[in-house]
Amino acid sequence: MRKTWTWVTILIGVVLMIIGYFGSAPWGAAGVRNSDPRFSFAPALFVVGVVIAFSAALVYELLPRRRR
């Protein structure tokens, strides 16, 4: 079960990183004036995604093992 939660945590982090990256990198901007992020909290969303993805190791270590 802890492997499943670890992969879910990694997946959530990666999805947030992708959304944050493409939200903060405007493709085809003609100049610096048009290079603002698509939404204002996109860089913060990318950072939160990185933190969540790296916290997957904590999820794996802190959840108890299945007893056999």
PDB file of N, CA and C in Angstrom:
ATOM      1  N   MET A   1       0.821  -1.199   0.000  1.00  0.00           N
ATOM      2  CA  MET A   1       0.000   0.000   0.000  1.00  0.00           C
ATOM      3  C   MET A   1       0.865   1.264   0.000  1.00  0.00           C
ATOM      4  N   ARG A   2       2.024   1.180   0.679  1.00  0.00           N
ATOM      5  CA  ARG A   2       2.837   2.393   0.719  1.00  0.00           C
ATOM      6  C   ARG A   2       3.482   2.684  -0.626  1.00  0.00           C
ATOM      7  N   LYS A   3       3.728   1.665  -1.443  1.00  0.00           N
ATOM      8  CA  LYS A   3       4.244   1.922  -2.788  1.00  0.00           C
ATOM      9  C   LYS A   3       3.210   2.660  -3.633  1.00  0.00           C
ATOM     10  N   THR A   4       1.958   2.289  -3.460  1.00  0.00           N
ATOM     11  CA  THR A   4       0.881   2.957  -4.192  1.00  0.00           C
ATOM     12  C   THR A   4       0.799   4.426  -3.802  1.00  0.00           C
ATOM     13  N   TRP A   5       0.826   4.711  -2.512  1.00  0.00           N
ATOM     14  CA  TRP A   5       0.752   6.100  -2.057  1.00  0.00           C
ATOM     15  C   TRP A   5       1.995   6.887  -2.467  1.00  0.00           C
ATOM     16  N   THR A   6       3.129   6.221  -2.515  1.00  0.00           N
ATOM     17  CA  THR A   6       4.348   6.894  -2.969  1.00  0.00           C
ATOM     18  C   THR A   6       4.225   7.295  -4.435  1.00  0.00           C
ATOM     19  N   TRP A   7       3.746   6.374  -5.271  1.00  0.00           N
ATOM     20  CA  TRP A   7       3.577   6.700  -6.696  1.00  0.00           C
ATOM     21  C   TRP A   7       2.504   7.755  -6.911  1.00  0.00           C
ATOM     22  N   VAL A   8       1.438   7.735  -6.104  1.00  0.00           N
ATOM     23  CA  VAL A   8       0.401   8.766  -6.210  1.00  0.00           C
ATOM     24  C   VAL A   8       0.984  10.129  -5.852  1.00  0.00           C
ATOM     25  N   THR A   9       1.823  10.172  -4.818  1.00  0.00           N
ATOM     26  CA  THR A   9       2.457  11.427  -4.417  1.00  0.00           C
ATOM     27  C   THR A   9       3.388  11.939  -5.515  1.00  0.00           C
ATOM     28  N   ILE A  10       4.158  11.053  -6.111  1.00  0.00           N
ATOM     29  CA  ILE A  10       5.043  11.454  -7.210  1.00  0.00           C
ATOM     30  C   ILE A  10       4.229  11.959  -8.393  1.00  0.00           C
ATOM     31  N   LEU A  11       3.155  11.271  -8.720  1.00  0.00           N
ATOM     32  CA  LEU A  11       2.317  11.669  -9.844  1.00  0.00           C
ATOM     33  C   LEU A  11       1.684  13.044  -9.619  1.00  0.00           C
ATOM     34  N   ILE A  12       1.188  13.283  -8.415  1.00  0.00           N
ATOM     35  CA  ILE A  12       0.612  14.598  -8.105  1.00  0.00           C
ATOM     36  C   ILE A  12       1.670  15.684  -8.238  1.00  0.00           C
ATOM     37  N   GLY A  13       2.871  15.415  -7.734  1.00  0.00           N
ATOM     38  CA  GLY A  13       3.949  16.393  -7.840  1.00  0.00           C
ATOM     39  C   GLY A  13       4.327  16.691  -9.279  1.00  0.00           C
ATOM     40  N   VAL A  14       4.424  15.651 -10.092  1.00  0.00           N
ATOM     41  CA  VAL A  14       4.805  15.843 -11.499  1.00  0.00           C
ATOM     42  C   VAL A  14       3.716  16.599 -12.259  1.00  0.00           C
ATOM     43  N   VAL A  15       2.471  16.288 -11.993  1.00  0.00           N
ATOM     44  CA  VAL A  15       1.376  17.006 -12.658  1.00  0.00           C
ATOM     45  C   VAL A  15       1.404  18.486 -12.287  1.00  0.00           C
ATOM     46  N   LEU A  16       1.630  18.785 -11.003  1.00  0.00           N
ATOM     47  CA  LEU A  16       1.710  20.189 -10.591  1.00  0.00           C
ATOM     48  C   LEU A  16       2.921  20.882 -11.214  1.00  0.00           C
ATOM     49  N   MET A  17       4.031  20.160 -11.345  1.00  0.00           N
ATOM     50  CA  MET A  17       5.206  20.748 -11.991  1.00  0.00           C
ATOM     51  C   MET A  17       4.929  21.066 -13.459  1.00  0.00           C
ATOM     52  N   ILE A  18       4.250  20.175 -14.148  1.00  0.00           N
ATOM     53  CA  ILE A  18       3.943  20.405 -15.564  1.00  0.00           C
ATOM     54  C   ILE A  18       3.004  21.596 -15.725  1.00  0.00           C
ATOM     55  N   ILE A  19       1.975  21.649 -14.897  1.00  0.00           N
ATOM     56  CA  ILE A  19       1.040  22.780 -14.962  1.00  0.00           C
ATOM     57  C   ILE A  19       1.756  24.082 -14.639  1.00  0.00           C
ATOM     58  N   GLY A  20       2.582  24.067 -13.600  1.00  0.00           N
ATOM     59  CA  GLY A  20       3.316  25.271 -13.220  1.00  0.00           C
ATOM     60  C   GLY A  20       4.316  25.696 -14.273  1.00  0.00           C
ATOM     61  N   TYR A  21       4.985  24.737 -14.912  1.00  0.00           N
ATOM     62  CA  TYR A  21       5.975  25.071 -15.933  1.00  0.00           C
ATOM     63  C   TYR A  21       5.314  25.705 -17.154  1.00  0.00           C
ATOM     64  N   PHE A  22       4.284  25.049 -17.662  1.00  0.00           N
ATOM     65  CA  PHE A  22       3.641  25.591 -18.856  1.00  0.00           C
ATOM     66  C   PHE A  22       2.788  26.811 -18.552  1.00  0.00           C
ATOM     67  N   GLY A  23       2.425  27.003 -17.299  1.00  0.00           N
ATOM     68  CA  GLY A  23       1.712  28.222 -16.925  1.00  0.00           C
ATOM     69  C   GLY A  23       2.630  29.415 -16.765  1.00  0.00           C
ATOM     70  N   SER A  24       3.899  29.159 -16.485  1.00  0.00           N
ATOM     71  CA  SER A  24       4.813  30.277 -16.267  1.00  0.00           C
ATOM     72  C   SER A  24       5.737  30.534 -17.449  1.00  0.00           C
ATOM     73  N   ALA A  25       5.709  29.696 -18.458  1.00  0.00           N
ATOM     74  CA  ALA A  25       6.555  29.888 -19.630  1.00  0.00           C
ATOM     75  C   ALA A  25       5.680  30.156 -20.847  1.00  0.00           C
ATOM     76  N   PRO A  26       5.421  31.431 -21.152  1.00  0.00           N
ATOM     77  CA  PRO A  26       4.576  31.735 -22.305  1.00  0.00           C
ATOM     78  C   PRO A  26       5.325  31.484 -23.619  1.00  0.00           C
ATOM     79  N   TRP A  27       4.867  30.541 -24.363  1.00  0.00           N
ATOM     80  CA  TRP A  27       5.516  30.179 -25.622  1.00  0.00           C
ATOM     81  C   TRP A  27       5.128  31.172 -26.707  1.00  0.00           C
ATOM     82  N   GLY A  28       6.083  31.605 -27.476  1.00  0.00           N
ATOM     83  CA  GLY A  28       5.823  32.501 -28.587  1.00  0.00           C
ATOM     84  C   GLY A  28       5.693  33.956 -28.187  1.00  0.00           C
ATOM     85  N   ALA A  29       6.213  34.348 -27.036  1.00  0.00           N
ATOM     86  CA  ALA A  29       6.140  35.750 -26.628  1.00  0.00           C
ATOM     87  C   ALA A  29       7.065  36.577 -27.523  1.00  0.00           C
ATOM     88  N   ALA A  30       6.545  37.682 -28.001  1.00  0.00           N
ATOM     89  CA  ALA A  30       7.303  38.512 -28.935  1.00  0.00           C
ATOM     90  C   ALA A  30       8.423  39.279 -28.249  1.00  0.00           C
ATOM     91  N   GLY A  31       8.276  39.563 -26.977  1.00  0.00           N
ATOM     92  CA  GLY A  31       9.312  40.320 -26.276  1.00  0.00           C
ATOM     93  C   GLY A  31       9.159  40.159 -24.770  1.00  0.00           C
ATOM     94  N   VAL A  32      10.006  40.885 -24.057  1.00  0.00           N
ATOM     95  CA  VAL A  32       9.983  40.805 -22.601  1.00  0.00           C
ATOM     96  C   VAL A  32       8.667  41.352 -22.048  1.00  0.00           C
ATOM     97  N   ARG A  33       8.101  42.309 -22.726  1.00  0.00           N
ATOM     98  CA  ARG A  33       6.855  42.919 -22.267  1.00  0.00           C
ATOM     99  C   ARG A  33       5.718  41.888 -22.207  1.00  0.00           C
ATOM    100  N   ASN A  34       5.746  40.898 -23.092  1.00  0.00           N
ATOM    101  CA  ASN A  34       4.692  39.887 -23.149  1.00  0.00           C
ATOM    102  C   ASN A  34       5.084  38.578 -22.464  1.00  0.00           C
ATOM    103  N   SER A  35       6.101  38.599 -21.625  1.00  0.00           N
ATOM    104  CA  SER A  35       6.588  37.355 -21.039  1.00  0.00           C
ATOM    105  C   SER A  35       6.089  37.103 -19.619  1.00  0.00           C
ATOM    106  N   ASP A  36       4.997  37.707 -19.227  1.00  0.00           N
ATOM    107  CA  ASP A  36       4.421  37.438 -17.906  1.00  0.00           C
ATOM    108  C   ASP A  36       3.809  36.044 -17.890  1.00  0.00           C
ATOM    109  N   PRO A  37       3.785  35.411 -16.715  1.00  0.00           N
ATOM    110  CA  PRO A  37       3.152  34.081 -16.619  1.00  0.00           C
ATOM    111  C   PRO A  37       1.666  34.142 -16.969  1.00  0.00           C
ATOM    112  N   ARG A  38       1.137  33.011 -17.391  1.00  0.00           N
ATOM    113  CA  ARG A  38      -0.282  32.967 -17.755  1.00  0.00           C
ATOM    114  C   ARG A  38      -1.184  33.189 -16.552  1.00  0.00           C
ATOM    115  N   PHE A  39      -0.787  32.670 -15.386  1.00  0.00           N
ATOM    116  CA  PHE A  39      -1.464  32.996 -14.137  1.00  0.00           C
ATOM    117  C   PHE A  39      -0.403  33.285 -13.088  1.00  0.00           C
ATOM    118  N   SER A  40      -0.741  34.153 -12.149  1.00  0.00           N
ATOM    119  CA  SER A  40       0.271  34.763 -11.293  1.00  0.00           C
ATOM    120  C   SER A  40       0.978  33.789 -10.356  1.00  0.00           C
ATOM    121  N   PHE A  41       0.357  32.702  -9.977  1.00  0.00           N
ATOM    122  CA  PHE A  41       0.966  31.777  -9.022  1.00  0.00           C
ATOM    123  C   PHE A  41       1.570  30.548  -9.695  1.00  0.00           C
ATOM    124  N   ALA A  42       1.824  30.597 -10.990  1.00  0.00           N
ATOM    125  CA  ALA A  42       2.383  29.454 -11.718  1.00  0.00           C
ATOM    126  C   ALA A  42       3.782  29.058 -11.231  1.00  0.00           C
ATOM    127  N   PRO A  43       4.698  30.017 -10.995  1.00  0.00           N
ATOM    128  CA  PRO A  43       6.004  29.592 -10.472  1.00  0.00           C
ATOM    129  C   PRO A  43       5.905  28.943  -9.094  1.00  0.00           C
ATOM    130  N   ALA A  44       5.023  29.446  -8.261  1.00  0.00           N
ATOM    131  CA  ALA A  44       4.830  28.845  -6.937  1.00  0.00           C
ATOM    132  C   ALA A  44       4.232  27.447  -7.058  1.00  0.00           C
ATOM    133  N   LEU A  45       3.373  27.244  -8.030  1.00  0.00           N
ATOM    134  CA  LEU A  45       2.792  25.924  -8.260  1.00  0.00           C
ATOM    135  C   LEU A  45       3.864  24.926  -8.683  1.00  0.00           C
ATOM    136  N   PHE A  46       4.817  25.378  -9.487  1.00  0.00           N
ATOM    137  CA  PHE A  46       5.932  24.518  -9.879  1.00  0.00           C
ATOM    138  C   PHE A  46       6.760  24.120  -8.657  1.00  0.00           C
ATOM    139  N   VAL A  47       7.043  25.075  -7.799  1.00  0.00           N
ATOM    140  CA  VAL A  47       7.839  24.792  -6.598  1.00  0.00           C
ATOM    141  C   VAL A  47       7.100  23.844  -5.669  1.00  0.00           C
ATOM    142  N   VAL A  48       5.802  24.022  -5.514  1.00  0.00           N
ATOM    143  CA  VAL A  48       5.001  23.119  -4.677  1.00  0.00           C
ATOM    144  C   VAL A  48       5.023  21.711  -5.260  1.00  0.00           C
ATOM    145  N   GLY A  49       4.982  21.595  -6.572  1.00  0.00           N
ATOM    146  CA  GLY A  49       5.066  20.287  -7.215  1.00  0.00           C
ATOM    147  C   GLY A  49       6.392  19.595  -6.943  1.00  0.00           C
ATOM    148  N   VAL A  50       7.487  20.364  -6.970  1.00  0.00           N
ATOM    149  CA  VAL A  50       8.802  19.791  -6.667  1.00  0.00           C
ATOM    150  C   VAL A  50       8.853  19.314  -5.219  1.00  0.00           C
ATOM    151  N   VAL A  51       8.329  20.108  -4.308  1.00  0.00           N
ATOM    152  CA  VAL A  51       8.329  19.730  -2.889  1.00  0.00           C
ATOM    153  C   VAL A  51       7.490  18.475  -2.668  1.00  0.00           C
ATOM    154  N   ILE A  52       6.340  18.386  -3.307  1.00  0.00           N
ATOM    155  CA  ILE A  52       5.484  17.202  -3.155  1.00  0.00           C
ATOM    156  C   ILE A  52       6.153  15.969  -3.745  1.00  0.00           C
ATOM    157  N   ALA A  53       6.790  16.115  -4.900  1.00  0.00           N
ATOM    158  CA  ALA A  53       7.465  14.968  -5.511  1.00  0.00           C
ATOM    159  C   ALA A  53       8.610  14.468  -4.636  1.00  0.00           C
ATOM    160  N   PHE A  54       9.370  15.376  -4.051  1.00  0.00           N
ATOM    161  CA  PHE A  54      10.462  14.962  -3.175  1.00  0.00           C
ATOM    162  C   PHE A  54       9.957  14.436  -1.839  1.00  0.00           C
ATOM    163  N   SER A  55       8.771  14.844  -1.423  1.00  0.00           N
ATOM    164  CA  SER A  55       8.227  14.329  -0.163  1.00  0.00           C
ATOM    165  C   SER A  55       7.688  12.915  -0.312  1.00  0.00           C
ATOM    166  N   ALA A  56       7.693  12.385  -1.508  1.00  0.00           N
ATOM    167  CA  ALA A  56       7.281  10.988  -1.709  1.00  0.00           C
ATOM    168  C   ALA A  56       8.183  10.042  -0.940  1.00  0.00           C
ATOM    169  N   ALA A  57       9.436  10.405  -0.770  1.00  0.00           N
ATOM    170  CA  ALA A  57      10.345   9.577   0.032  1.00  0.00           C
ATOM    171  C   ALA A  57       9.889   9.537   1.488  1.00  0.00           C
ATOM    172  N   LEU A  58       9.379  10.645   1.984  1.00  0.00           N
ATOM    173  CA  LEU A  58       8.842  10.665   3.350  1.00  0.00           C
ATOM    174  C   LEU A  58       7.598   9.793   3.469  1.00  0.00           C
ATOM    175  N   VAL A  59       6.760   9.847   2.455  1.00  0.00           N
ATOM    176  CA  VAL A  59       5.558   9.009   2.458  1.00  0.00           C
ATOM    177  C   VAL A  59       5.943   7.543   2.506  1.00  0.00           C
ATOM    178  N   TYR A  60       6.937   7.171   1.727  1.00  0.00           N
ATOM    179  CA  TYR A  60       7.370   5.774   1.687  1.00  0.00           C
ATOM    180  C   TYR A  60       7.948   5.334   3.033  1.00  0.00           C
ATOM    181  N   GLU A  61       8.712   6.201   3.662  1.00  0.00           N
ATOM    182  CA  GLU A  61       9.365   5.822   4.910  1.00  0.00           C
ATOM    183  C   GLU A  61       8.423   5.869   6.107  1.00  0.00           C
ATOM    184  N   LEU A  62       7.452   6.751   6.104  1.00  0.00           N
ATOM    185  CA  LEU A  62       6.607   6.930   7.282  1.00  0.00           C
ATOM    186  C   LEU A  62       5.394   6.006   7.320  1.00  0.00           C
ATOM    187  N   LEU A  63       4.942   5.537   6.164  1.00  0.00           N
ATOM    188  CA  LEU A  63       3.816   4.603   6.172  1.00  0.00           C
ATOM    189  C   LEU A  63       4.304   3.222   6.617  1.00  0.00           C
ATOM    190  N   PRO A  64       3.510   2.536   7.411  1.00  0.00           N
ATOM    191  CA  PRO A  64       3.958   1.235   7.893  1.00  0.00           C
ATOM    192  C   PRO A  64       3.949   0.189   6.788  1.00  0.00           C
ATOM    193  N   ARG A  65       4.817  -0.805   6.973  1.00  0.00           N
ATOM    194  CA  ARG A  65       4.859  -1.920   6.027  1.00  0.00           C
ATOM    195  C   ARG A  65       3.682  -2.853   6.271  1.00  0.00           C
ATOM    196  N   ARG A  66       3.340  -3.587   5.237  1.00  0.00           N
ATOM    197  CA  ARG A  66       2.292  -4.578   5.359  1.00  0.00           C
ATOM    198  C   ARG A  66       2.853  -5.799   6.086  1.00  0.00           C
ATOM    199  N   ARG A  67       2.199  -6.244   7.117  1.00  0.00           N
ATOM    200  CA  ARG A  67       2.671  -7.423   7.851  1.00  0.00           C
ATOM    201  C   ARG A  67       2.253  -8.684   7.144  1.00  0.00           C
ATOM    202  N   ARG A  68       3.173  -9.643   7.076  1.00  0.00           N
ATOM    203  CA  ARG A  68       2.871 -10.895   6.390  1.00  0.00           C
ATOM    204  C   ARG A  68       2.977 -12.043   7.339  1.00  0.00           C
TER     205      ARG A  68
END
